[in-house]
Amino acid sequence: MSGCRVRLSFGPARDVVLVHGTARMLTREELPKEVGDAFAAKDGWDPREDHPSYVFFQVTPQVLQAWGTVAELAGRTLMRDGKWLV
C-alpha cells in the first residue's frame, strides 16, 4: 500500500479533529525505532512484540480541521495542502 487516501476523525461530535491525508503501510521492520518506543512508553503495550499480523501506518496530513461548536465552523481549517494556516 502506498499513498492511499485516508480520512481520520478523533473525538466526539462536539469536539472534532478531522484529518485528510495519505497513508502508507509499514512493516514492523520499517517502523522507526523511536516511533515504536514512544508508542510503547505512552500506551504501556508494544505491538512490535505481539502477534506478527500487526501492521503500522504512516499518515501524512494534507488537511486538518477542528471544531467544537457551530461558532467555530468558520475557522475550522487549520492545515491545507500540508501547510499550517495558524
Protein backbone atom coordinates (compact mmCIF):
# COMPACT_ATOMS: atom_id res chain seq x y z
CA MET A 1 0.00 0.00 0.00
CA SER A 2 1.47 3.35 -0.94
CA GLY A 3 -0.11 6.77 -0.77
CA CYS A 4 -3.72 5.68 -0.20
CA ARG A 5 -6.13 8.47 0.70
CA VAL A 6 -7.42 8.43 4.28
CA ARG A 7 -9.77 10.40 6.49
CA LEU A 8 -9.34 10.13 10.25
CA SER A 9 -11.71 11.54 12.84
CA PHE A 10 -10.93 11.96 16.53
CA GLY A 11 -13.22 12.97 19.36
CA PRO A 12 -16.95 13.17 19.92
CA ALA A 13 -19.35 15.06 17.63
CA ARG A 14 -18.98 18.34 19.58
CA ASP A 15 -15.17 18.34 19.79
CA VAL A 16 -13.85 17.02 16.48
CA VAL A 17 -10.45 16.80 14.82
CA LEU A 18 -10.68 15.66 11.19
CA VAL A 19 -7.55 14.75 9.21
CA HIS A 20 -7.47 14.19 5.44
CA GLY A 21 -4.24 12.83 4.02
CA THR A 22 -2.38 9.89 2.62
CA ALA A 23 -1.21 6.74 4.36
CA ARG A 24 1.24 4.00 3.63
CA MET A 25 1.57 0.69 5.40
CA LEU A 26 4.80 -0.10 7.24
CA THR A 27 6.06 -3.44 8.44
CA ARG A 28 7.40 -3.67 11.97
CA GLU A 29 10.90 -3.60 10.45
CA GLU A 30 10.15 -0.34 8.58
CA LEU A 31 8.68 1.39 11.64
CA PRO A 32 11.28 3.81 13.03
CA LYS A 33 12.53 2.51 16.38
CA GLU A 34 11.92 5.85 18.13
CA VAL A 35 8.27 5.88 16.95
CA GLY A 36 7.66 2.35 18.24
CA ASP A 37 9.44 3.14 21.50
CA ALA A 38 7.38 6.31 22.04
CA PHE A 39 4.12 4.44 21.39
CA ALA A 40 5.08 1.63 23.78
CA ALA A 41 6.10 4.11 26.50
CA LYS A 42 2.83 6.06 26.24
CA ASP A 43 0.48 3.10 25.83
CA GLY A 44 2.22 0.52 28.02
CA TRP A 45 1.98 -2.08 25.22
CA ASP A 46 4.35 -2.73 22.35
CA PRO A 47 2.62 -4.20 19.27
CA ARG A 48 6.05 -4.87 17.73
CA GLU A 49 6.46 -7.65 20.28
CA ASP A 50 2.93 -9.01 19.87
CA HIS A 51 1.39 -11.00 17.03
CA PRO A 52 3.17 -10.57 13.66
CA SER A 53 -0.12 -9.68 11.94
CA TYR A 54 0.00 -6.13 13.35
CA VAL A 55 0.79 -3.51 10.73
CA PHE A 56 1.58 0.16 11.10
CA PHE A 57 0.52 3.17 9.05
CA GLN A 58 2.38 6.38 8.36
CA VAL A 59 -0.16 9.16 7.79
CA THR A 60 0.85 12.39 6.04
CA PRO A 61 -1.83 15.03 6.70
CA GLN A 62 -2.94 17.34 3.90
CA VAL A 63 -5.97 18.98 5.51
CA LEU A 64 -6.64 19.29 9.23
CA GLN A 65 -9.88 20.67 10.65
CA ALA A 66 -11.04 21.06 14.24
CA TRP A 67 -14.19 22.44 15.83
CA GLY A 68 -16.33 22.11 18.91
CA THR A 69 -19.42 24.18 18.22
CA VAL A 70 -21.20 25.83 15.29
CA ALA A 71 -19.49 29.12 16.18
CA GLU A 72 -16.09 27.51 15.44
CA LEU A 73 -17.03 26.16 11.98
CA ALA A 74 -15.83 29.24 10.08
CA GLY A 75 -12.20 28.85 11.26
CA ARG A 76 -12.10 25.06 11.39
CA THR A 77 -9.46 24.50 8.67
CA LEU A 78 -6.06 24.62 10.38
CA MET A 79 -3.99 22.98 7.61
CA ARG A 80 -4.41 22.96 3.83
CA ASP A 81 -2.13 21.30 1.25
CA GLY A 82 0.10 20.14 4.10
CA LYS A 83 0.78 23.72 5.28
CA TRP A 84 -0.37 25.13 8.62
CA LEU A 85 -2.72 28.13 8.32
CA VAL A 86 -2.47 29.06 12.01
